[in-house]
């Protein structure tokens, strides 16, 4: 495997990642460095700050539900296919949501 990109994201209250894909990657990740208490305490009804998979870009006008939604935890790493739509549910909190991420491809 080889890394084709890496970055960090600091989301403030009302922040979210719009649903998107990573066209340069084969596998993508999200490593949870720090999360607000409201994200850690949110439940399956609100899903505030959770990562969702399978829901397409809002601009496409397809009102499809996510296929899976995962509650993040500090120190956990989510790995998923780069071609899978993913984004986050908005959250409200004074503390930031901090993640590190990377994309990778097979060596070839």
C-alpha atoms as a PDB file:
ATOM      1  CA  UNK A   1       0.000   0.000   0.000  1.00  0.00           C
ATOM      2  CA  UNK A   2       1.044   3.597  -0.510  1.00  0.00           C
ATOM      3  CA  UNK A   3      -0.410   6.765   0.941  1.00  0.00           C
ATOM      4  CA  UNK A   4      -1.837   9.233  -1.595  1.00  0.00           C
ATOM      5  CA  UNK A   5      -2.942  11.932   0.822  1.00  0.00           C
ATOM      6  CA  UNK A   6      -3.324  12.786   4.502  1.00  0.00           C
ATOM      7  CA  UNK A   7      -4.930  15.652   6.400  1.00  0.00           C
ATOM      8  CA  UNK A   8      -6.599  16.672   9.640  1.00  0.00           C
ATOM      9  CA  UNK A   9      -9.970  18.309  10.186  1.00  0.00           C
ATOM     10  CA  UNK A  10     -11.120  20.411  13.132  1.00  0.00           C
ATOM     11  CA  UNK A  11     -14.882  20.873  13.105  1.00  0.00           C
ATOM     12  CA  UNK A  12     -16.496  23.463  15.350  1.00  0.00           C
ATOM     13  CA  UNK A  13     -20.068  23.464  16.607  1.00  0.00           C
ATOM     14  CA  UNK A  14     -22.614  23.075  13.767  1.00  0.00           C
ATOM     15  CA  UNK A  15     -19.762  21.628  11.726  1.00  0.00           C
ATOM     16  CA  UNK A  16     -20.054  18.640   9.468  1.00  0.00           C
ATOM     17  CA  UNK A  17     -18.457  16.974   6.478  1.00  0.00           C
ATOM     18  CA  UNK A  18     -20.790  17.028   3.473  1.00  0.00           C
ATOM     19  CA  UNK A  19     -21.297  13.610   1.927  1.00  0.00           C
ATOM     20  CA  UNK A  20     -18.454  12.949  -0.508  1.00  0.00           C
ATOM     21  CA  UNK A  21     -16.085  10.347  -1.951  1.00  0.00           C
ATOM     22  CA  UNK A  22     -12.295  10.316  -2.399  1.00  0.00           C
ATOM     23  CA  UNK A  23     -11.593   9.792  -6.118  1.00  0.00           C
ATOM     24  CA  UNK A  24      -7.797   9.429  -5.722  1.00  0.00           C
ATOM     25  CA  UNK A  25      -7.944   6.760  -3.025  1.00  0.00           C
ATOM     26  CA  UNK A  26      -8.666   3.032  -2.921  1.00  0.00           C
ATOM     27  CA  UNK A  27      -9.191   2.914   0.845  1.00  0.00           C
ATOM     28  CA  UNK A  28      -9.848   5.898   3.117  1.00  0.00           C
ATOM     29  CA  UNK A  29      -9.810   6.474   6.851  1.00  0.00           C
ATOM     30  CA  UNK A  30     -10.936   8.601   9.753  1.00  0.00           C
ATOM     31  CA  UNK A  31      -8.961   8.502  12.999  1.00  0.00           C
ATOM     32  CA  UNK A  32     -10.750  10.156  15.912  1.00  0.00           C
ATOM     33  CA  UNK A  33      -8.338  12.268  17.971  1.00  0.00           C
ATOM     34  CA  UNK A  34     -10.813  14.262  20.111  1.00  0.00           C
ATOM     35  CA  UNK A  35     -14.593  14.415  20.225  1.00  0.00           C
ATOM     36  CA  UNK A  36     -17.024  16.696  22.048  1.00  0.00           C
ATOM     37  CA  UNK A  37     -18.979  15.224  24.929  1.00  0.00           C
ATOM     38  CA  UNK A  38     -22.198  15.743  22.956  1.00  0.00           C
ATOM     39  CA  UNK A  39     -20.928  13.362  20.233  1.00  0.00           C
ATOM     40  CA  UNK A  40     -19.871  10.755  22.787  1.00  0.00           C
ATOM     41  CA  UNK A  41     -23.236  11.035  24.558  1.00  0.00           C
ATOM     42  CA  UNK A  42     -25.429  11.204  21.433  1.00  0.00           C
ATOM     43  CA  UNK A  43     -27.751   8.305  20.807  1.00  0.00           C
ATOM     44  CA  UNK A  44     -28.937   6.405  17.759  1.00  0.00           C
ATOM     45  CA  UNK A  45     -31.857   8.825  17.397  1.00  0.00           C
ATOM     46  CA  UNK A  46     -29.819  12.059  17.115  1.00  0.00           C
ATOM     47  CA  UNK A  47     -26.518  10.631  15.766  1.00  0.00           C
ATOM     48  CA  UNK A  48     -24.917  14.048  16.340  1.00  0.00           C
ATOM     49  CA  UNK A  49     -21.328  14.015  15.062  1.00  0.00           C
ATOM     50  CA  UNK A  50     -21.487  10.398  13.838  1.00  0.00           C
ATOM     51  CA  UNK A  51     -20.018   9.282  10.495  1.00  0.00           C
ATOM     52  CA  UNK A  52     -22.507   8.000   7.932  1.00  0.00           C
ATOM     53  CA  UNK A  53     -21.882   5.804   4.907  1.00  0.00           C
ATOM     54  CA  UNK A  54     -23.844   5.329   1.696  1.00  0.00           C
ATOM     55  CA  UNK A  55     -25.800   8.583   1.635  1.00  0.00           C
ATOM     56  CA  UNK A  56     -24.985  10.462  -1.616  1.00  0.00           C
ATOM     57  CA  UNK A  57     -24.058  14.103  -2.081  1.00  0.00           C
ATOM     58  CA  UNK A  58     -27.026  16.329  -1.208  1.00  0.00           C
ATOM     59  CA  UNK A  59     -26.725  18.236  -4.521  1.00  0.00           C
ATOM     60  CA  UNK A  60     -27.740  15.089  -6.403  1.00  0.00           C
ATOM     61  CA  UNK A  61     -31.258  15.417  -4.995  1.00  0.00           C
ATOM     62  CA  UNK A  62     -31.445  11.753  -3.965  1.00  0.00           C
ATOM     63  CA  UNK A  63     -33.076  11.565  -0.562  1.00  0.00           C
ATOM     64  CA  UNK A  64     -31.596   8.185   0.362  1.00  0.00           C
ATOM     65  CA  UNK A  65     -30.896   7.173   3.955  1.00  0.00           C
ATOM     66  CA  UNK A  66     -27.386   6.136   4.987  1.00  0.00           C
ATOM     67  CA  UNK A  67     -26.574   2.416   4.775  1.00  0.00           C
ATOM     68  CA  UNK A  68     -24.618   2.529   8.035  1.00  0.00           C
ATOM     69  CA  UNK A  69     -23.949   5.122  10.741  1.00  0.00           C
ATOM     70  CA  UNK A  70     -21.146   4.710  13.269  1.00  0.00           C
ATOM     71  CA  UNK A  71     -20.609   6.582  16.514  1.00  0.00           C
ATOM     72  CA  UNK A  72     -16.975   7.724  16.649  1.00  0.00           C
ATOM     73  CA  UNK A  73     -14.779   7.095  19.690  1.00  0.00           C
ATOM     74  CA  UNK A  74     -11.429   8.735  20.534  1.00  0.00           C
ATOM     75  CA  UNK A  75      -8.538   6.543  19.433  1.00  0.00           C
ATOM     76  CA  UNK A  76     -10.635   4.542  16.952  1.00  0.00           C
ATOM     77  CA  UNK A  77      -9.870   4.279  13.242  1.00  0.00           C
ATOM     78  CA  UNK A  78     -12.554   3.815  10.591  1.00  0.00           C
ATOM     79  CA  UNK A  79     -11.393   2.284   7.288  1.00  0.00           C
ATOM     80  CA  UNK A  80     -13.692   2.194   4.268  1.00  0.00           C
ATOM     81  CA  UNK A  81     -13.624   2.086   0.453  1.00  0.00           C
ATOM     82  CA  UNK A  82     -12.765   5.516  -0.970  1.00  0.00           C
ATOM     83  CA  UNK A  83     -15.595   5.216  -3.512  1.00  0.00           C
ATOM     84  CA  UNK A  84     -18.211   4.956  -0.717  1.00  0.00           C
ATOM     85  CA  UNK A  85     -20.211   8.105  -0.029  1.00  0.00           C
ATOM     86  CA  UNK A  86     -19.522   9.300   3.513  1.00  0.00           C
ATOM     87  CA  UNK A  87     -20.024  12.379   5.655  1.00  0.00           C
ATOM     88  CA  UNK A  88     -20.904  13.432   9.180  1.00  0.00           C
ATOM     89  CA  UNK A  89     -24.089  14.361  10.971  1.00  0.00           C
ATOM     90  CA  UNK A  90     -23.985  17.967  12.328  1.00  0.00           C
ATOM     91  CA  UNK A  91     -23.389  18.428  16.068  1.00  0.00           C
ATOM     92  CA  UNK A  92     -23.652  21.250  18.611  1.00  0.00           C
ATOM     93  CA  UNK A  93     -20.891  21.618  21.222  1.00  0.00           C
ATOM     94  CA  UNK A  94     -18.349  24.144  22.461  1.00  0.00           C
ATOM     95  CA  UNK A  95     -15.520  21.602  21.986  1.00  0.00           C
ATOM     96  CA  UNK A  96     -14.165  20.741  18.517  1.00  0.00           C
ATOM     97  CA  UNK A  97     -14.351  17.381  16.718  1.00  0.00           C
ATOM     98  CA  UNK A  98     -10.775  16.566  15.649  1.00  0.00           C
ATOM     99  CA  UNK A  99      -9.911  13.844  13.131  1.00  0.00           C
ATOM    100  CA  UNK A 100      -6.919  12.768  11.084  1.00  0.00           C
ATOM    101  CA  UNK A 101      -7.412  10.961   7.780  1.00  0.00           C
ATOM    102  CA  UNK A 102      -5.558   9.409   4.884  1.00  0.00           C
ATOM    103  CA  UNK A 103      -6.200   7.798   1.513  1.00  0.00           C
ATOM    104  CA  UNK A 104      -4.192   4.868   0.211  1.00  0.00           C
ATOM    105  CA  UNK A 105      -3.813   2.805  -2.962  1.00  0.00           C
ATOM    106  CA  UNK A 106      -2.225  -0.568  -3.646  1.00  0.00           C
ATOM    107  CA  UNK A 107       1.375  -0.428  -4.792  1.00  0.00           C
ATOM    108  CA  UNK A 108       1.522  -1.334  -8.391  1.00  0.00           C
END
